[in-house]
Amino acid sequence: MLQENYIQYLAGYSKEAISMQDVKVALTDLKTIDDEHGAFWISVIKNEENVLEVHKDLSVVGVFEDDANKQYLKQCVDLQEIEQLCSLLLGENFVELKKRLEAS
């Protein structure tokens, strides 16, 4: 069974069935997107959505299906750190992802 996932930019672009290559493109695009549209989010759907929202200022918000009312917030230091978080999301390693989002 293929994993159901997608990426969507605040500026309007979206794509389903993404890979890490799509994430890398989004991170590159983030550098040039204007401040008003400077965000994208990635969703992996298991039973419900598990989402990372990435902002131009390198802040990340995570929301997971086990408690959709809780937001995990992290200010990342660089794009490489965000890439690692996105990789954990796409790999459905939600436990490790939450640990990293909580560690500030």
N, C-alpha and C. Protein backbone atom coordinates (compact mmCIF):
# COMPACT_ATOMS: atom_id res chain seq x y z
N MET A 1 0.83 -1.18 0.00
CA MET A 1 0.00 0.00 0.00
C MET A 1 0.87 1.25 0.00
N LEU A 2 0.58 2.17 -0.87
CA LEU A 2 1.34 3.41 -0.93
C LEU A 2 0.94 4.33 0.21
N GLN A 3 1.92 5.03 0.72
CA GLN A 3 1.66 6.00 1.77
C GLN A 3 0.91 7.18 1.17
N GLU A 4 -0.10 7.65 1.88
CA GLU A 4 -0.83 8.82 1.42
C GLU A 4 -0.21 10.05 2.08
N ASN A 5 0.29 10.95 1.25
CA ASN A 5 0.90 12.16 1.76
C ASN A 5 0.81 13.26 0.72
N TYR A 6 1.06 14.49 1.16
CA TYR A 6 1.07 15.62 0.23
C TYR A 6 1.88 16.77 0.81
N ILE A 7 2.22 17.69 -0.08
CA ILE A 7 2.86 18.94 0.31
C ILE A 7 2.03 20.06 -0.28
N GLN A 8 1.92 21.15 0.48
CA GLN A 8 1.17 22.30 -0.01
C GLN A 8 1.85 23.57 0.44
N TYR A 9 2.01 24.49 -0.50
CA TYR A 9 2.60 25.79 -0.19
C TYR A 9 1.48 26.76 0.12
N LEU A 10 1.75 27.71 0.99
CA LEU A 10 0.78 28.77 1.28
C LEU A 10 0.49 29.57 0.01
N ALA A 11 1.45 29.63 -0.90
CA ALA A 11 1.27 30.36 -2.16
C ALA A 11 0.34 29.63 -3.14
N GLY A 12 -0.05 28.37 -2.82
CA GLY A 12 -1.03 27.68 -3.64
C GLY A 12 -0.59 26.39 -4.30
N TYR A 13 0.70 26.16 -4.43
CA TYR A 13 1.19 24.91 -5.06
C TYR A 13 0.88 23.73 -4.15
N SER A 14 0.49 22.60 -4.74
CA SER A 14 0.35 21.38 -3.96
C SER A 14 0.68 20.17 -4.82
N LYS A 15 1.09 19.11 -4.15
CA LYS A 15 1.45 17.87 -4.84
C LYS A 15 1.19 16.70 -3.90
N GLU A 16 0.65 15.62 -4.45
CA GLU A 16 0.42 14.40 -3.67
C GLU A 16 1.53 13.40 -3.95
N ALA A 17 1.60 12.38 -3.09
CA ALA A 17 2.58 11.30 -3.22
C ALA A 17 4.00 11.85 -3.35
N ILE A 18 4.44 12.52 -2.31
CA ILE A 18 5.74 13.21 -2.35
C ILE A 18 6.87 12.33 -1.83
N SER A 19 8.07 12.76 -2.12
CA SER A 19 9.30 12.11 -1.65
C SER A 19 10.17 13.17 -0.98
N MET A 20 11.30 12.76 -0.47
CA MET A 20 12.23 13.72 0.13
C MET A 20 12.74 14.72 -0.90
N GLN A 21 12.79 14.34 -2.16
CA GLN A 21 13.20 15.28 -3.19
C GLN A 21 12.23 16.47 -3.25
N ASP A 22 10.94 16.22 -3.10
CA ASP A 22 9.95 17.29 -3.08
C ASP A 22 10.16 18.20 -1.88
N VAL A 23 10.53 17.62 -0.75
CA VAL A 23 10.81 18.40 0.45
C VAL A 23 12.02 19.30 0.21
N LYS A 24 13.06 18.75 -0.40
CA LYS A 24 14.27 19.54 -0.68
C LYS A 24 13.97 20.71 -1.62
N VAL A 25 13.11 20.47 -2.60
CA VAL A 25 12.69 21.56 -3.50
C VAL A 25 11.94 22.62 -2.71
N ALA A 26 11.04 22.21 -1.83
CA ALA A 26 10.27 23.15 -1.02
C ALA A 26 11.18 23.98 -0.12
N LEU A 27 12.19 23.35 0.45
CA LEU A 27 13.13 24.09 1.30
C LEU A 27 13.93 25.10 0.50
N THR A 28 14.30 24.75 -0.71
CA THR A 28 14.98 25.70 -1.60
C THR A 28 14.04 26.84 -1.97
N ASP A 29 12.80 26.50 -2.31
CA ASP A 29 11.81 27.52 -2.66
C ASP A 29 11.54 28.45 -1.49
N LEU A 30 11.58 27.94 -0.29
CA LEU A 30 11.28 28.73 0.90
C LEU A 30 12.18 29.95 1.00
N LYS A 31 13.41 29.82 0.54
CA LYS A 31 14.37 30.93 0.59
C LYS A 31 13.92 32.11 -0.27
N THR A 32 13.20 31.83 -1.35
CA THR A 32 12.84 32.90 -2.29
C THR A 32 11.37 33.31 -2.24
N ILE A 33 10.55 32.57 -1.49
CA ILE A 33 9.13 32.92 -1.36
C ILE A 33 9.02 34.18 -0.52
N ASP A 34 8.10 35.08 -0.89
CA ASP A 34 7.93 36.30 -0.10
C ASP A 34 7.41 35.96 1.30
N ASP A 35 7.55 36.93 2.21
CA ASP A 35 7.19 36.69 3.61
C ASP A 35 5.72 36.35 3.78
N GLU A 36 4.85 36.93 2.98
CA GLU A 36 3.42 36.69 3.11
C GLU A 36 3.07 35.23 2.80
N HIS A 37 3.79 34.62 1.87
CA HIS A 37 3.51 33.25 1.46
C HIS A 37 4.61 32.28 1.89
N GLY A 38 5.43 32.68 2.83
CA GLY A 38 6.61 31.92 3.22
C GLY A 38 6.35 30.76 4.16
N ALA A 39 5.55 29.83 3.71
CA ALA A 39 5.30 28.62 4.51
C ALA A 39 4.83 27.49 3.61
N PHE A 40 5.07 26.28 4.06
CA PHE A 40 4.50 25.11 3.41
C PHE A 40 4.22 24.07 4.49
N TRP A 41 3.40 23.11 4.16
CA TRP A 41 3.16 22.03 5.09
C TRP A 41 3.15 20.70 4.37
N ILE A 42 3.52 19.69 5.14
CA ILE A 42 3.57 18.32 4.65
C ILE A 42 2.65 17.50 5.54
N SER A 43 1.86 16.67 4.91
CA SER A 43 0.94 15.82 5.65
C SER A 43 1.15 14.36 5.26
N VAL A 44 1.19 13.51 6.28
CA VAL A 44 1.20 12.07 6.09
C VAL A 44 -0.08 11.56 6.76
N ILE A 45 -0.88 10.83 5.99
CA ILE A 45 -2.15 10.36 6.50
C ILE A 45 -2.07 8.86 6.79
N LYS A 46 -2.24 8.53 8.06
CA LYS A 46 -2.39 7.12 8.44
C LYS A 46 -3.87 6.91 8.69
N ASN A 47 -4.32 7.10 9.92
CA ASN A 47 -5.75 7.10 10.21
C ASN A 47 -6.30 8.51 10.03
N GLU A 48 -5.51 9.48 10.47
CA GLU A 48 -5.81 10.91 10.32
C GLU A 48 -4.52 11.59 9.86
N GLU A 49 -4.56 12.90 9.75
CA GLU A 49 -3.39 13.63 9.28
C GLU A 49 -2.34 13.82 10.38
N ASN A 50 -1.10 13.74 9.97
CA ASN A 50 0.07 14.08 10.78
C ASN A 50 0.80 15.13 9.96
N VAL A 51 0.95 16.33 10.52
CA VAL A 51 1.37 17.48 9.72
C VAL A 51 2.57 18.19 10.33
N LEU A 52 3.47 18.60 9.45
CA LEU A 52 4.51 19.56 9.80
C LEU A 52 4.28 20.80 8.96
N GLU A 53 4.21 21.94 9.62
CA GLU A 53 4.10 23.23 8.94
C GLU A 53 5.42 23.95 9.12
N VAL A 54 6.04 24.32 8.00
CA VAL A 54 7.37 24.92 8.00
C VAL A 54 7.26 26.37 7.54
N HIS A 55 7.86 27.28 8.31
CA HIS A 55 7.80 28.71 8.00
C HIS A 55 9.16 29.24 7.56
N LYS A 56 9.12 30.32 6.83
CA LYS A 56 10.35 30.93 6.29
C LYS A 56 11.34 31.29 7.39
N ASP A 57 10.84 31.63 8.58
CA ASP A 57 11.73 31.98 9.69
C ASP A 57 12.33 30.75 10.37
N LEU A 58 12.14 29.56 9.75
CA LEU A 58 12.65 28.27 10.21
C LEU A 58 11.91 27.72 11.43
N SER A 59 10.75 28.27 11.73
CA SER A 59 9.94 27.68 12.79
C SER A 59 9.11 26.54 12.19
N VAL A 60 8.84 25.55 13.02
CA VAL A 60 8.09 24.37 12.59
C VAL A 60 7.00 24.09 13.62
N VAL A 61 5.83 23.75 13.12
CA VAL A 61 4.71 23.36 13.97
C VAL A 61 4.31 21.94 13.56
N GLY A 62 4.20 21.06 14.53
CA GLY A 62 3.77 19.69 14.27
C GLY A 62 2.44 19.39 14.95
N VAL A 63 1.56 18.70 14.25
CA VAL A 63 0.28 18.26 14.80
C VAL A 63 0.11 16.80 14.37
N PHE A 64 -0.27 15.95 15.33
CA PHE A 64 -0.32 14.52 15.07
C PHE A 64 -1.69 13.94 15.40
N GLU A 65 -2.00 12.85 14.73
CA GLU A 65 -3.33 12.26 14.81
C GLU A 65 -3.72 11.78 16.21
N ASP A 66 -2.74 11.45 17.04
CA ASP A 66 -3.08 10.94 18.38
C ASP A 66 -3.59 12.03 19.32
N ASP A 67 -3.32 13.30 19.01
CA ASP A 67 -3.85 14.43 19.79
C ASP A 67 -3.82 15.68 18.91
N ALA A 68 -4.85 15.81 18.09
CA ALA A 68 -4.90 16.91 17.12
C ALA A 68 -5.02 18.27 17.78
N ASN A 69 -5.27 18.32 19.07
CA ASN A 69 -5.38 19.60 19.78
C ASN A 69 -4.04 20.09 20.32
N LYS A 70 -3.03 19.24 20.26
CA LYS A 70 -1.70 19.63 20.75
C LYS A 70 -0.80 20.03 19.59
N GLN A 71 -0.13 21.16 19.74
CA GLN A 71 0.83 21.62 18.74
C GLN A 71 2.24 21.52 19.32
N TYR A 72 3.13 20.97 18.55
CA TYR A 72 4.55 20.91 18.89
C TYR A 72 5.23 22.05 18.13
N LEU A 73 5.90 22.93 18.85
CA LEU A 73 6.54 24.09 18.23
C LEU A 73 8.05 24.00 18.40
N LYS A 74 8.77 24.32 17.33
CA LYS A 74 10.24 24.30 17.39
C LYS A 74 10.79 25.39 16.49
N GLN A 75 11.78 26.09 16.99
CA GLN A 75 12.53 27.04 16.17
C GLN A 75 13.81 26.33 15.74
N CYS A 76 13.90 26.00 14.48
CA CYS A 76 15.05 25.28 13.96
C CYS A 76 16.21 26.24 13.69
N VAL A 77 17.41 25.68 13.64
CA VAL A 77 18.60 26.51 13.42
C VAL A 77 18.97 26.61 11.95
N ASP A 78 18.57 25.61 11.14
CA ASP A 78 18.91 25.66 9.72
C ASP A 78 17.98 24.74 8.93
N LEU A 79 18.10 24.81 7.62
CA LEU A 79 17.25 24.00 6.75
C LEU A 79 17.55 22.52 6.86
N GLN A 80 18.79 22.17 7.20
CA GLN A 80 19.14 20.76 7.36
C GLN A 80 18.36 20.14 8.52
N GLU A 81 18.19 20.87 9.59
CA GLU A 81 17.41 20.37 10.73
C GLU A 81 15.95 20.14 10.31
N ILE A 82 15.40 21.06 9.53
CA ILE A 82 14.03 20.91 9.03
C ILE A 82 13.94 19.70 8.11
N GLU A 83 14.92 19.52 7.26
CA GLU A 83 14.93 18.36 6.37
C GLU A 83 14.90 17.05 7.16
N GLN A 84 15.65 16.99 8.26
CA GLN A 84 15.65 15.79 9.10
C GLN A 84 14.27 15.55 9.71
N LEU A 85 13.61 16.62 10.16
CA LEU A 85 12.27 16.48 10.73
C LEU A 85 11.28 15.98 9.68
N CYS A 86 11.38 16.52 8.48
CA CYS A 86 10.49 16.09 7.39
C CYS A 86 10.73 14.63 7.03
N SER A 87 11.99 14.21 7.08
CA SER A 87 12.32 12.82 6.79
C SER A 87 11.68 11.89 7.82
N LEU A 88 11.70 12.29 9.08
CA LEU A 88 11.05 11.50 10.12
C LEU A 88 9.55 11.42 9.88
N LEU A 89 8.95 12.52 9.47
CA LEU A 89 7.52 12.52 9.18
C LEU A 89 7.20 11.57 8.03
N LEU A 90 7.92 11.69 6.92
CA LEU A 90 7.66 10.83 5.77
C LEU A 90 7.93 9.36 6.09
N GLY A 91 8.85 9.11 7.01
CA GLY A 91 9.15 7.75 7.43
C GLY A 91 8.20 7.24 8.52
N GLU A 92 7.23 8.07 8.87
CA GLU A 92 6.23 7.76 9.90
C GLU A 92 6.86 7.43 11.25
N ASN A 93 7.99 8.06 11.54
CA ASN A 93 8.66 7.89 12.83
C ASN A 93 8.18 9.01 13.75
N PHE A 94 6.90 8.94 14.12
CA PHE A 94 6.26 10.03 14.86
C PHE A 94 6.80 10.17 16.28
N VAL A 95 7.17 9.08 16.92
CA VAL A 95 7.69 9.15 18.28
C VAL A 95 8.98 9.96 18.32
N GLU A 96 9.93 9.63 17.44
CA GLU A 96 11.20 10.37 17.38
C GLU A 96 10.97 11.81 16.94
N LEU A 97 10.07 12.02 16.02
CA LEU A 97 9.76 13.37 15.54
C LEU A 97 9.25 14.24 16.68
N LYS A 98 8.33 13.72 17.47
CA LYS A 98 7.80 14.48 18.60
C LYS A 98 8.91 14.80 19.60
N LYS A 99 9.81 13.84 19.86
CA LYS A 99 10.93 14.09 20.78
C LYS A 99 11.78 15.24 20.28
N ARG A 100 12.08 15.24 19.00
CA ARG A 100 12.92 16.31 18.45
C ARG A 100 12.21 17.66 18.45
N LEU A 101 10.91 17.64 18.23
CA LEU A 101 10.16 18.89 18.26
C LEU A 101 10.07 19.45 19.68
N GLU A 102 10.04 18.59 20.67
CA GLU A 102 9.97 19.04 22.05
C GLU A 102 11.31 19.50 22.58
N ALA A 103 12.41 19.00 22.03
CA ALA A 103 13.75 19.38 22.50
C ALA A 103 14.12 20.73 21.91
N SER A 104 14.25 21.71 22.74
CA SER A 104 14.60 23.06 22.27
C SER A 104 15.96 23.47 22.72
